[in-house]
Each structure stands twice: as C-alpha cells, then as structure tokens.
Amino acid sequence: MTLPVDFEAKARGAKDASGGGYPVQLSAADLMRNFVYAALDADESLIETTTGQGGHTARRLKIPVIPEAPSTGTHVLGSVGGALQWIATEEC
C-alpha cells in the first residue's frame, strides 16, 4: 500500500536545520489524509488485529477461505450453517 504522504521521503528531502529542514514539520492535513486513506471501513466482526510494519498495531480484513471446488458435477458456492461450501445442483 502506498499512502498519500510519504513522511520518510519528506524527511530525506529536508534541508539543513538552519534552513528550516530536519526535523520536518508535519502537516495535520497530511496526517489526516494518511489516516483516512488507511482506515479500514468494514464491519468490526470482519476485522482482525495484527502486528504491522515496525511492530505497530495493524488491522486487516478477514477473508473467508473458499473451499476447493468439486472436480465433477454442477455446484454453487453457498453458506450452510454459516460456513461456505459447494452445494450440488442439477445440470442445466
């Protein structure tokens, strides 16, 4: 994922301290752009907490594992009792 504002690049491109360079002044608008971009907008039951880059807390979307499709016959992928499974259907 590439965030809208790369703060490390901004710090590397800064001039010397006497010229207003490093430490870099962070813009609240830049920070908010990154936070809004990175915020996962999904039902909380579909999100798991994990460890991300630099050991920071991260969140990721849980994607259900889709079972392998049967090699013969006609099937549809459906949910039975809350679990995904292939359900046999009549040939069309």
PDB file of N, CA and C in Angstrom:
ATOM      1  N   MET A   1       0.854  -1.177   0.000  1.00  0.00           N
ATOM      2  CA  MET A   1       0.000   0.000   0.000  1.00  0.00           C
ATOM      3  C   MET A   1       0.895   1.234   0.000  1.00  0.00           C
ATOM      4  N   THR A   2       0.586   2.180  -0.817  1.00  0.00           N
ATOM      5  CA  THR A   2       1.299   3.446  -0.866  1.00  0.00           C
ATOM      6  C   THR A   2       0.378   4.514  -0.306  1.00  0.00           C
ATOM      7  N   LEU A   3       0.793   5.104   0.801  1.00  0.00           N
ATOM      8  CA  LEU A   3      -0.008   6.151   1.428  1.00  0.00           C
ATOM      9  C   LEU A   3       0.126   7.456   0.638  1.00  0.00           C
ATOM     10  N   PRO A   4      -0.869   8.335   0.751  1.00  0.00           N
ATOM     11  CA  PRO A   4      -0.822   9.610   0.023  1.00  0.00           C
ATOM     12  C   PRO A   4       0.399  10.465   0.351  1.00  0.00           C
ATOM     13  N   VAL A   5       0.866  10.445   1.591  1.00  0.00           N
ATOM     14  CA  VAL A   5       2.004  11.278   2.004  1.00  0.00           C
ATOM     15  C   VAL A   5       3.090  10.374   2.567  1.00  0.00           C
ATOM     16  N   ASP A   6       4.296  10.421   1.992  1.00  0.00           N
ATOM     17  CA  ASP A   6       5.441   9.632   2.452  1.00  0.00           C
ATOM     18  C   ASP A   6       6.306  10.537   3.336  1.00  0.00           C
ATOM     19  N   PHE A   7       6.157  10.395   4.643  1.00  0.00           N
ATOM     20  CA  PHE A   7       6.871  11.278   5.567  1.00  0.00           C
ATOM     21  C   PHE A   7       8.368  10.999   5.591  1.00  0.00           C
ATOM     22  N   GLU A   8       8.781   9.745   5.348  1.00  0.00           N
ATOM     23  CA  GLU A   8      10.214   9.453   5.290  1.00  0.00           C
ATOM     24  C   GLU A   8      10.853  10.183   4.111  1.00  0.00           C
ATOM     25  N   ALA A   9      10.176  10.208   2.977  1.00  0.00           N
ATOM     26  CA  ALA A   9      10.693  10.931   1.810  1.00  0.00           C
ATOM     27  C   ALA A   9      10.776  12.423   2.108  1.00  0.00           C
ATOM     28  N   LYS A  10       9.776  12.939   2.817  1.00  0.00           N
ATOM     29  CA  LYS A  10       9.807  14.359   3.186  1.00  0.00           C
ATOM     30  C   LYS A  10      11.010  14.657   4.076  1.00  0.00           C
ATOM     31  N   ALA A  11      11.313  13.772   5.021  1.00  0.00           N
ATOM     32  CA  ALA A  11      12.442  13.974   5.928  1.00  0.00           C
ATOM     33  C   ALA A  11      13.764  13.889   5.166  1.00  0.00           C
ATOM     34  N   ARG A  12      13.876  12.930   4.236  1.00  0.00           N
ATOM     35  CA  ARG A  12      15.113  12.801   3.441  1.00  0.00           C
ATOM     36  C   ARG A  12      15.331  14.021   2.558  1.00  0.00           C
ATOM     37  N   GLY A  13      14.274  14.623   2.096  1.00  0.00           N
ATOM     38  CA  GLY A  13      14.388  15.778   1.208  1.00  0.00           C
ATOM     39  C   GLY A  13      14.509  17.099   1.934  1.00  0.00           C
ATOM     40  N   ALA A  14      14.517  17.065   3.261  1.00  0.00           N
ATOM     41  CA  ALA A  14      14.573  18.310   4.033  1.00  0.00           C
ATOM     42  C   ALA A  14      15.961  18.941   3.944  1.00  0.00           C
ATOM     43  N   LYS A  15      16.001  20.255   4.065  1.00  0.00           N
ATOM     44  CA  LYS A  15      17.267  20.988   4.052  1.00  0.00           C
ATOM     45  C   LYS A  15      17.881  20.949   5.455  1.00  0.00           C
ATOM     46  N   ASP A  16      19.024  21.552   5.619  1.00  0.00           N
ATOM     47  CA  ASP A  16      19.660  21.545   6.939  1.00  0.00           C
ATOM     48  C   ASP A  16      18.813  22.311   7.954  1.00  0.00           C
ATOM     49  N   ALA A  17      19.092  22.084   9.229  1.00  0.00           N
ATOM     50  CA  ALA A  17      18.262  22.632  10.309  1.00  0.00           C
ATOM     51  C   ALA A  17      18.175  24.156  10.262  1.00  0.00           C
ATOM     52  N   SER A  18      19.254  24.834   9.878  1.00  0.00           N
ATOM     53  CA  SER A  18      19.217  26.297   9.840  1.00  0.00           C
ATOM     54  C   SER A  18      18.307  26.806   8.720  1.00  0.00           C
ATOM     55  N   GLY A  19      18.056  25.964   7.731  1.00  0.00           N
ATOM     56  CA  GLY A  19      17.205  26.369   6.618  1.00  0.00           C
ATOM     57  C   GLY A  19      15.779  25.873   6.769  1.00  0.00           C
ATOM     58  N   GLY A  20      15.415  25.476   7.980  1.00  0.00           N
ATOM     59  CA  GLY A  20      14.047  25.010   8.211  1.00  0.00           C
ATOM     60  C   GLY A  20      13.847  23.556   7.829  1.00  0.00           C
ATOM     61  N   GLY A  21      14.955  22.804   7.714  1.00  0.00           N
ATOM     62  CA  GLY A  21      14.861  21.400   7.337  1.00  0.00           C
ATOM     63  C   GLY A  21      14.557  20.504   8.527  1.00  0.00           C
ATOM     64  N   TYR A  22      15.239  19.380   8.597  1.00  0.00           N
ATOM     65  CA  TYR A  22      15.003  18.398   9.650  1.00  0.00           C
ATOM     66  C   TYR A  22      15.181  19.033  11.010  1.00  0.00           C
ATOM     67  N   PRO A  23      14.378  18.814  12.009  1.00  0.00           N
ATOM     68  CA  PRO A  23      13.211  17.939  11.961  1.00  0.00           C
ATOM     69  C   PRO A  23      12.092  18.545  11.109  1.00  0.00           C
ATOM     70  N   VAL A  24      11.425  17.675  10.409  1.00  0.00           N
ATOM     71  CA  VAL A  24      10.378  18.089   9.486  1.00  0.00           C
ATOM     72  C   VAL A  24       9.113  18.431  10.256  1.00  0.00           C
ATOM     73  N   GLN A  25       8.498  19.516   9.898  1.00  0.00           N
ATOM     74  CA  GLN A  25       7.220  19.883  10.496  1.00  0.00           C
ATOM     75  C   GLN A  25       6.133  19.096   9.775  1.00  0.00           C
ATOM     76  N   LEU A  26       5.345  18.373  10.539  1.00  0.00           N
ATOM     77  CA  LEU A  26       4.283  17.561   9.952  1.00  0.00           C
ATOM     78  C   LEU A  26       3.009  18.375   9.816  1.00  0.00           C
ATOM     79  N   SER A  27       2.365  18.193   8.695  1.00  0.00           N
ATOM     80  CA  SER A  27       1.110  18.879   8.463  1.00  0.00           C
ATOM     81  C   SER A  27      -0.041  18.023   8.978  1.00  0.00           C
ATOM     82  N   ALA A  28      -0.928  18.618   9.762  1.00  0.00           N
ATOM     83  CA  ALA A  28      -2.098  17.893  10.260  1.00  0.00           C
ATOM     84  C   ALA A  28      -2.946  17.390   9.098  1.00  0.00           C
ATOM     85  N   ALA A  29      -3.048  18.172   8.035  1.00  0.00           N
ATOM     86  CA  ALA A  29      -3.829  17.757   6.868  1.00  0.00           C
ATOM     87  C   ALA A  29      -3.200  16.534   6.206  1.00  0.00           C
ATOM     88  N   ASP A  30      -1.852  16.487   6.121  1.00  0.00           N
ATOM     89  CA  ASP A  30      -1.170  15.313   5.557  1.00  0.00           C
ATOM     90  C   ASP A  30      -1.405  14.085   6.421  1.00  0.00           C
ATOM     91  N   LEU A  31      -1.311  14.266   7.740  1.00  0.00           N
ATOM     92  CA  LEU A  31      -1.554  13.139   8.647  1.00  0.00           C
ATOM     93  C   LEU A  31      -2.977  12.610   8.496  1.00  0.00           C
ATOM     94  N   MET A  32      -3.936  13.507   8.448  1.00  0.00           N
ATOM     95  CA  MET A  32      -5.336  13.077   8.311  1.00  0.00           C
ATOM     96  C   MET A  32      -5.574  12.388   6.974  1.00  0.00           C
ATOM     97  N   ARG A  33      -4.948  12.869   5.903  1.00  0.00           N
ATOM     98  CA  ARG A  33      -5.097  12.193   4.604  1.00  0.00           C
ATOM     99  C   ARG A  33      -4.622  10.758   4.700  1.00  0.00           C
ATOM    100  N   ASN A  34      -3.478  10.532   5.366  1.00  0.00           N
ATOM    101  CA  ASN A  34      -2.971   9.166   5.524  1.00  0.00           C
ATOM    102  C   ASN A  34      -3.882   8.334   6.413  1.00  0.00           C
ATOM    103  N   PHE A  35      -4.359   8.897   7.512  1.00  0.00           N
ATOM    104  CA  PHE A  35      -5.220   8.137   8.420  1.00  0.00           C
ATOM    105  C   PHE A  35      -6.539   7.757   7.752  1.00  0.00           C
ATOM    106  N   VAL A  36      -7.147   8.688   7.048  1.00  0.00           N
ATOM    107  CA  VAL A  36      -8.411   8.398   6.372  1.00  0.00           C
ATOM    108  C   VAL A  36      -8.190   7.362   5.279  1.00  0.00           C
ATOM    109  N   TYR A  37      -7.098   7.483   4.543  1.00  0.00           N
ATOM    110  CA  TYR A  37      -6.797   6.539   3.472  1.00  0.00           C
ATOM    111  C   TYR A  37      -6.598   5.128   4.029  1.00  0.00           C
ATOM    112  N   ALA A  38      -5.922   5.031   5.179  1.00  0.00           N
ATOM    113  CA  ALA A  38      -5.573   3.732   5.745  1.00  0.00           C
ATOM    114  C   ALA A  38      -6.677   3.133   6.610  1.00  0.00           C
ATOM    115  N   ALA A  39      -7.646   3.925   7.000  1.00  0.00           N
ATOM    116  CA  ALA A  39      -8.708   3.425   7.868  1.00  0.00           C
ATOM    117  C   ALA A  39      -9.533   2.380   7.129  1.00  0.00           C
ATOM    118  N   LEU A  40      -9.712   1.240   7.745  1.00  0.00           N
ATOM    119  CA  LEU A  40     -10.484   0.156   7.150  1.00  0.00           C
ATOM    120  C   LEU A  40     -11.943   0.351   7.507  1.00  0.00           C
ATOM    121  N   ASP A  41     -12.773   0.542   6.501  1.00  0.00           N
ATOM    122  CA  ASP A  41     -14.192   0.792   6.710  1.00  0.00           C
ATOM    123  C   ASP A  41     -14.950  -0.509   6.453  1.00  0.00           C
ATOM    124  N   ALA A  42     -15.127  -1.297   7.514  1.00  0.00           N
ATOM    125  CA  ALA A  42     -15.812  -2.584   7.397  1.00  0.00           C
ATOM    126  C   ALA A  42     -16.427  -2.938   8.744  1.00  0.00           C
ATOM    127  N   ASP A  43     -17.358  -3.853   8.716  1.00  0.00           N
ATOM    128  CA  ASP A  43     -17.968  -4.356   9.936  1.00  0.00           C
ATOM    129  C   ASP A  43     -16.864  -4.887  10.857  1.00  0.00           C
ATOM    130  N   GLU A  44     -16.878  -4.526  12.115  1.00  0.00           N
ATOM    131  CA  GLU A  44     -15.821  -4.910  13.059  1.00  0.00           C
ATOM    132  C   GLU A  44     -15.645  -6.427  13.168  1.00  0.00           C
ATOM    133  N   SER A  45     -16.703  -7.202  12.926  1.00  0.00           N
ATOM    134  CA  SER A  45     -16.568  -8.658  13.014  1.00  0.00           C
ATOM    135  C   SER A  45     -15.732  -9.213  11.861  1.00  0.00           C
ATOM    136  N   LEU A  46     -15.488  -8.407  10.829  1.00  0.00           N
ATOM    137  CA  LEU A  46     -14.695  -8.841   9.678  1.00  0.00           C
ATOM    138  C   LEU A  46     -13.252  -8.356   9.753  1.00  0.00           C
ATOM    139  N   ILE A  47     -12.874  -7.728  10.868  1.00  0.00           N
ATOM    140  CA  ILE A  47     -11.543  -7.157  11.008  1.00  0.00           C
ATOM    141  C   ILE A  47     -10.796  -7.873  12.119  1.00  0.00           C
ATOM    142  N   GLU A  48      -9.523  -8.212  11.848  1.00  0.00           N
ATOM    143  CA  GLU A  48      -8.686  -8.788  12.890  1.00  0.00           C
ATOM    144  C   GLU A  48      -7.498  -7.872  13.145  1.00  0.00           C
ATOM    145  N   THR A  49      -7.062  -7.832  14.401  1.00  0.00           N
ATOM    146  CA  THR A  49      -5.916  -7.022  14.783  1.00  0.00           C
ATOM    147  C   THR A  49      -4.664  -7.865  14.649  1.00  0.00           C
ATOM    148  N   THR A  50      -3.627  -7.271  14.085  1.00  0.00           N
ATOM    149  CA  THR A  50      -2.371  -7.979  13.859  1.00  0.00           C
ATOM    150  C   THR A  50      -1.214  -7.015  14.095  1.00  0.00           C
ATOM    151  N   THR A  51      -0.004  -7.479  13.912  1.00  0.00           N
ATOM    152  CA  THR A  51       1.166  -6.619  14.029  1.00  0.00           C
ATOM    153  C   THR A  51       1.600  -6.209  12.636  1.00  0.00           C
ATOM    154  N   GLY A  52       1.767  -4.914  12.456  1.00  0.00           N
ATOM    155  CA  GLY A  52       2.123  -4.394  11.143  1.00  0.00           C
ATOM    156  C   GLY A  52       3.564  -3.938  11.068  1.00  0.00           C
ATOM    157  N   GLN A  53       3.845  -3.139  10.068  1.00  0.00           N
ATOM    158  CA  GLN A  53       5.186  -2.632   9.817  1.00  0.00           C
ATOM    159  C   GLN A  53       5.745  -1.940  11.050  1.00  0.00           C
ATOM    160  N   GLY A  54       6.972  -2.245  11.388  1.00  0.00           N
ATOM    161  CA  GLY A  54       7.637  -1.616  12.528  1.00  0.00           C
ATOM    162  C   GLY A  54       7.101  -2.076  13.867  1.00  0.00           C
ATOM    163  N   GLY A  55       6.337  -3.167  13.885  1.00  0.00           N
ATOM    164  CA  GLY A  55       5.786  -3.686  15.135  1.00  0.00           C
ATOM    165  C   GLY A  55       4.553  -2.951  15.622  1.00  0.00           C
ATOM    166  N   HIS A  56       4.026  -2.034  14.824  1.00  0.00           N
ATOM    167  CA  HIS A  56       2.841  -1.272  15.210  1.00  0.00           C
ATOM    168  C   HIS A  56       1.585  -2.122  15.032  1.00  0.00           C
ATOM    169  N   THR A  57       0.566  -1.808  15.804  1.00  0.00           N
ATOM    170  CA  THR A  57      -0.710  -2.499  15.672  1.00  0.00           C
ATOM    171  C   THR A  57      -1.307  -2.181  14.314  1.00  0.00           C
ATOM    172  N   ALA A  58      -1.787  -3.217  13.645  1.00  0.00           N
ATOM    173  CA  ALA A  58      -2.420  -3.058  12.342  1.00  0.00           C
ATOM    174  C   ALA A  58      -3.732  -3.824  12.352  1.00  0.00           C
ATOM    175  N   ARG A  59      -4.567  -3.541  11.377  1.00  0.00           N
ATOM    176  CA  ARG A  59      -5.828  -4.271  11.244  1.00  0.00           C
ATOM    177  C   ARG A  59      -5.902  -4.795   9.818  1.00  0.00           C
ATOM    178  N   ARG A  60      -6.511  -5.960   9.668  1.00  0.00           N
ATOM    179  CA  ARG A  60      -6.695  -6.482   8.320  1.00  0.00           C
ATOM    180  C   ARG A  60      -8.052  -7.143   8.205  1.00  0.00           C
ATOM    181  N   LEU A  61      -8.531  -7.181   6.982  1.00  0.00           N
ATOM    182  CA  LEU A  61      -9.832  -7.737   6.690  1.00  0.00           C
ATOM    183  C   LEU A  61      -9.735  -9.260   6.675  1.00  0.00           C
ATOM    184  N   LYS A  62     -10.645  -9.908   7.383  1.00  0.00           N
ATOM    185  CA  LYS A  62     -10.706 -11.371   7.364  1.00  0.00           C
ATOM    186  C   LYS A  62     -11.434 -11.786   6.087  1.00  0.00           C
ATOM    187  N   ILE A  63     -10.791 -12.591   5.299  1.00  0.00           N
ATOM    188  CA  ILE A  63     -11.404 -13.101   4.080  1.00  0.00           C
ATOM    189  C   ILE A  63     -11.655 -14.585   4.293  1.00  0.00           C
ATOM    190  N   PRO A  64     -12.893 -15.013   4.140  1.00  0.00           N
ATOM    191  CA  PRO A  64     -13.183 -16.422   4.379  1.00  0.00           C
ATOM    192  C   PRO A  64     -12.457 -17.311   3.375  1.00  0.00           C
ATOM    193  N   VAL A  65     -12.028 -18.457   3.840  1.00  0.00           N
ATOM    194  CA  VAL A  65     -11.367 -19.418   2.971  1.00  0.00           C
ATOM    195  C   VAL A  65     -12.434 -20.098   2.115  1.00  0.00           C
ATOM    196  N   ILE A  66     -12.242 -20.076   0.815  1.00  0.00           N
ATOM    197  CA  ILE A  66     -13.195 -20.706  -0.096  1.00  0.00           C
ATOM    198  C   ILE A  66     -12.735 -22.135  -0.326  1.00  0.00           C
ATOM    199  N   PRO A  67     -13.591 -23.087  -0.021  1.00  0.00           N
ATOM    200  CA  PRO A  67     -13.195 -24.483  -0.203  1.00  0.00           C
ATOM    201  C   PRO A  67     -12.944 -24.792  -1.683  1.00  0.00           C
ATOM    202  N   GLU A  68     -12.105 -25.788  -1.923  1.00  0.00           N
ATOM    203  CA  GLU A  68     -11.799 -26.177  -3.294  1.00  0.00           C
ATOM    204  C   GLU A  68     -13.060 -26.681  -3.978  1.00  0.00           C
ATOM    205  N   ALA A  69     -13.245 -26.266  -5.220  1.00  0.00           N
ATOM    206  CA  ALA A  69     -14.438 -26.649  -5.971  1.00  0.00           C
ATOM    207  C   ALA A  69     -14.383 -28.132  -6.352  1.00  0.00           C
ATOM    208  N   PRO A  70     -15.527 -28.799  -6.329  1.00  0.00           N
ATOM    209  CA  PRO A  70     -15.567 -30.192  -6.756  1.00  0.00           C
ATOM    210  C   PRO A  70     -15.136 -30.323  -8.217  1.00  0.00           C
ATOM    211  N   SER A  71     -14.503 -31.427  -8.552  1.00  0.00           N
ATOM    212  CA  SER A  71     -13.977 -31.601  -9.907  1.00  0.00           C
ATOM    213  C   SER A  71     -15.033 -32.080 -10.900  1.00  0.00           C
ATOM    214  N   THR A  72     -16.153 -32.589 -10.405  1.00  0.00           N
ATOM    215  CA  THR A  72     -17.204 -33.058 -11.311  1.00  0.00           C
ATOM    216  C   THR A  72     -18.548 -32.519 -10.858  1.00  0.00           C
ATOM    217  N   GLY A  73     -19.487 -32.445 -11.790  1.00  0.00           N
ATOM    218  CA  GLY A  73     -20.833 -32.003 -11.454  1.00  0.00           C
ATOM    219  C   GLY A  73     -20.976 -30.500 -11.497  1.00  0.00           C
ATOM    220  N   THR A  74     -22.193 -30.050 -11.230  1.00  0.00           N
ATOM    221  CA  THR A  74     -22.511 -28.627 -11.204  1.00  0.00           C
ATOM    222  C   THR A  74     -22.800 -28.230  -9.770  1.00  0.00           C
ATOM    223  N   HIS A  75     -22.112 -27.194  -9.306  1.00  0.00           N
ATOM    224  CA  HIS A  75     -22.233 -26.756  -7.918  1.00  0.00           C
ATOM    225  C   HIS A  75     -22.337 -25.242  -7.856  1.00  0.00           C
ATOM    226  N   VAL A  76     -22.908 -24.745  -6.790  1.00  0.00           N
ATOM    227  CA  VAL A  76     -22.894 -23.318  -6.485  1.00  0.00           C
ATOM    228  C   VAL A  76     -22.244 -23.150  -5.115  1.00  0.00           C
ATOM    229  N   LEU A  77     -21.563 -22.043  -4.930  1.00  0.00           N
ATOM    230  CA  LEU A  77     -20.948 -21.752  -3.642  1.00  0.00           C
ATOM    231  C   LEU A  77     -22.000 -21.096  -2.767  1.00  0.00           C
ATOM    232  N   GLY A  78     -22.242 -21.669  -1.616  1.00  0.00           N
ATOM    233  CA  GLY A  78     -23.256 -21.124  -0.718  1.00  0.00           C
ATOM    234  C   GLY A  78     -22.837 -21.245   0.726  1.00  0.00           C
ATOM    235  N   SER A  79     -23.671 -20.750   1.592  1.00  0.00           N
ATOM    236  CA  SER A  79     -23.412 -20.803   3.020  1.00  0.00           C
ATOM    237  C   SER A  79     -24.433 -21.727   3.676  1.00  0.00           C
ATOM    238  N   VAL A  80     -23.926 -22.704   4.398  1.00  0.00           N
ATOM    239  CA  VAL A  80     -24.786 -23.633   5.129  1.00  0.00           C
ATOM    240  C   VAL A  80     -24.324 -23.587   6.581  1.00  0.00           C
ATOM    241  N   GLY A  81     -25.233 -23.178   7.461  1.00  0.00           N
ATOM    242  CA  GLY A  81     -24.869 -23.083   8.878  1.00  0.00           C
ATOM    243  C   GLY A  81     -23.739 -22.105   9.135  1.00  0.00           C
ATOM    244  N   GLY A  82     -23.611 -21.081   8.293  1.00  0.00           N
ATOM    245  CA  GLY A  82     -22.575 -20.067   8.497  1.00  0.00           C
ATOM    246  C   GLY A  82     -21.232 -20.425   7.902  1.00  0.00           C
ATOM    247  N   ALA A  83     -21.129 -21.566   7.224  1.00  0.00           N
ATOM    248  CA  ALA A  83     -19.862 -21.980   6.615  1.00  0.00           C
ATOM    249  C   ALA A  83     -20.026 -22.055   5.101  1.00  0.00           C
ATOM    250  N   LEU A  84     -19.010 -21.577   4.371  1.00  0.00           N
ATOM    251  CA  LEU A  84     -19.049 -21.666   2.919  1.00  0.00           C
ATOM    252  C   LEU A  84     -18.845 -23.107   2.481  1.00  0.00           C
ATOM    253  N   GLN A  85     -19.651 -23.532   1.515  1.00  0.00           N
ATOM    254  CA  GLN A  85     -19.455 -24.860   0.952  1.00  0.00           C
ATOM    255  C   GLN A  85     -20.065 -24.921  -0.437  1.00  0.00           C
ATOM    256  N   TRP A  86     -19.598 -25.873  -1.223  1.00  0.00           N
ATOM    257  CA  TRP A  86     -20.124 -26.085  -2.559  1.00  0.00           C
ATOM    258  C   TRP A  86     -21.367 -26.944  -2.445  1.00  0.00           C
ATOM    259  N   ILE A  87     -22.460 -26.512  -3.056  1.00  0.00           N
ATOM    260  CA  ILE A  87     -23.734 -27.217  -2.988  1.00  0.00           C
ATOM    261  C   ILE A  87     -24.048 -27.760  -4.375  1.00  0.00           C
ATOM    262  N   ALA A  88     -24.261 -29.071  -4.449  1.00  0.00           N
ATOM    263  CA  ALA A  88     -24.556 -29.711  -5.722  1.00  0.00           C
ATOM    264  C   ALA A  88     -25.884 -29.219  -6.258  1.00  0.00           C
ATOM    265  N   THR A  89     -25.959 -29.016  -7.575  1.00  0.00           N
ATOM    266  CA  THR A  89     -27.194 -28.606  -8.235  1.00  0.00           C
ATOM    267  C   THR A  89     -27.446 -29.528  -9.416  1.00  0.00           C
ATOM    268  N   GLU A  90     -28.608 -29.417 -10.009  1.00  0.00           N
ATOM    269  CA  GLU A  90     -28.917 -30.199 -11.196  1.00  0.00           C
ATOM    270  C   GLU A  90     -28.186 -29.604 -12.394  1.00  0.00           C
ATOM    271  N   GLU A  91     -27.819 -30.445 -13.323  1.00  0.00           N
ATOM    272  CA  GLU A  91     -27.205 -29.972 -14.560  1.00  0.00           C
ATOM    273  C   GLU A  91     -28.216 -29.141 -15.338  1.00  0.00           C
ATOM    274  N   CYS A  92     -27.786 -28.100 -15.979  1.00  0.00           N
ATOM    275  CA  CYS A  92     -28.678 -27.239 -16.760  1.00  0.00           C
ATOM    276  C   CYS A  92     -28.658 -27.641 -18.207  1.00  0.00           C
TER     277      CYS A  92
END
